[in-house]
Amino acid sequence: MIANLELLSPFPESEMMVYPVSEQVNSPANDNPAIIRPVCNLNINR
């Protein structure tokens, strides 16, 4: 049970990446892994 509690901790913000993706992600009809690829090389650091 204790090992499962580790899954409840937030993902470290320092490990996260933010980048723009296609607007196609807004529709569940689009079931293609390519829609989450970055649309440009912009890397937004927080």
C-alpha atoms as a PDB file:
ATOM      1  CA  MET A   1       0.000   0.000   0.000  1.00  0.00           C
ATOM      2  CA  ILE A   2       2.844   2.437   0.777  1.00  0.00           C
ATOM      3  CA  ALA A   3       4.298   1.964  -2.726  1.00  0.00           C
ATOM      4  CA  ASN A   4       0.937   3.005  -4.153  1.00  0.00           C
ATOM      5  CA  LEU A   5       1.067   6.270  -2.205  1.00  0.00           C
ATOM      6  CA  GLU A   6       4.125   7.295  -4.229  1.00  0.00           C
ATOM      7  CA  LEU A   7       1.888   7.354  -7.297  1.00  0.00           C
ATOM      8  CA  LEU A   8      -0.247  10.051  -5.665  1.00  0.00           C
ATOM      9  CA  SER A   9       2.559  12.582  -5.421  1.00  0.00           C
ATOM     10  CA  PRO A  10       2.645  15.310  -8.098  1.00  0.00           C
ATOM     11  CA  PHE A  11       4.989  14.948 -11.053  1.00  0.00           C
ATOM     12  CA  PRO A  12       7.974  17.292 -10.508  1.00  0.00           C
ATOM     13  CA  GLU A  13       7.505  20.566 -12.364  1.00  0.00           C
ATOM     14  CA  SER A  14      11.209  20.577 -13.248  1.00  0.00           C
ATOM     15  CA  GLU A  15      10.606  17.413 -15.311  1.00  0.00           C
ATOM     16  CA  MET A  16       7.635  18.858 -17.251  1.00  0.00           C
ATOM     17  CA  MET A  17       7.810  20.290 -20.749  1.00  0.00           C
ATOM     18  CA  VAL A  18       5.357  22.759 -22.243  1.00  0.00           C
ATOM     19  CA  TYR A  19       4.926  23.145 -25.987  1.00  0.00           C
ATOM     20  CA  PRO A  20       2.144  24.001 -28.441  1.00  0.00           C
ATOM     21  CA  VAL A  21       0.303  21.117 -30.096  1.00  0.00           C
ATOM     22  CA  SER A  22      -2.216  20.821 -32.896  1.00  0.00           C
ATOM     23  CA  GLU A  23      -5.802  21.932 -32.230  1.00  0.00           C
ATOM     24  CA  GLN A  24      -6.785  18.404 -33.264  1.00  0.00           C
ATOM     25  CA  VAL A  25      -6.183  17.332 -29.653  1.00  0.00           C
ATOM     26  CA  ASN A  26      -9.531  18.952 -28.799  1.00  0.00           C
ATOM     27  CA  SER A  27     -11.527  16.175 -30.461  1.00  0.00           C
ATOM     28  CA  PRO A  28     -11.695  12.570 -29.235  1.00  0.00           C
ATOM     29  CA  ALA A  29     -12.387  11.579 -32.840  1.00  0.00           C
ATOM     30  CA  ASN A  30      -8.711  12.234 -33.590  1.00  0.00           C
ATOM     31  CA  ASP A  31      -7.016   9.093 -32.328  1.00  0.00           C
ATOM     32  CA  ASN A  32      -3.521   9.541 -33.689  1.00  0.00           C
ATOM     33  CA  PRO A  33      -0.301   9.886 -31.669  1.00  0.00           C
ATOM     34  CA  ALA A  34       0.995  12.446 -34.180  1.00  0.00           C
ATOM     35  CA  ILE A  35      -1.397  15.115 -32.868  1.00  0.00           C
ATOM     36  CA  ILE A  36       0.597  15.535 -29.651  1.00  0.00           C
ATOM     37  CA  ARG A  37       3.872  16.246 -31.441  1.00  0.00           C
ATOM     38  CA  PRO A  38       5.095  19.812 -31.048  1.00  0.00           C
ATOM     39  CA  VAL A  39       3.899  22.035 -33.903  1.00  0.00           C
ATOM     40  CA  CYS A  40       7.113  24.063 -33.667  1.00  0.00           C
ATOM     41  CA  ASN A  41      10.402  24.053 -31.779  1.00  0.00           C
ATOM     42  CA  LEU A  42       9.165  26.546 -29.218  1.00  0.00           C
ATOM     43  CA  ASN A  43      10.067  25.485 -25.685  1.00  0.00           C
ATOM     44  CA  ILE A  44       8.299  27.522 -23.019  1.00  0.00           C
ATOM     45  CA  ASN A  45      10.188  27.403 -19.729  1.00  0.00           C
ATOM     46  CA  ARG A  46       8.317  28.238 -16.565  1.00  0.00           C
END
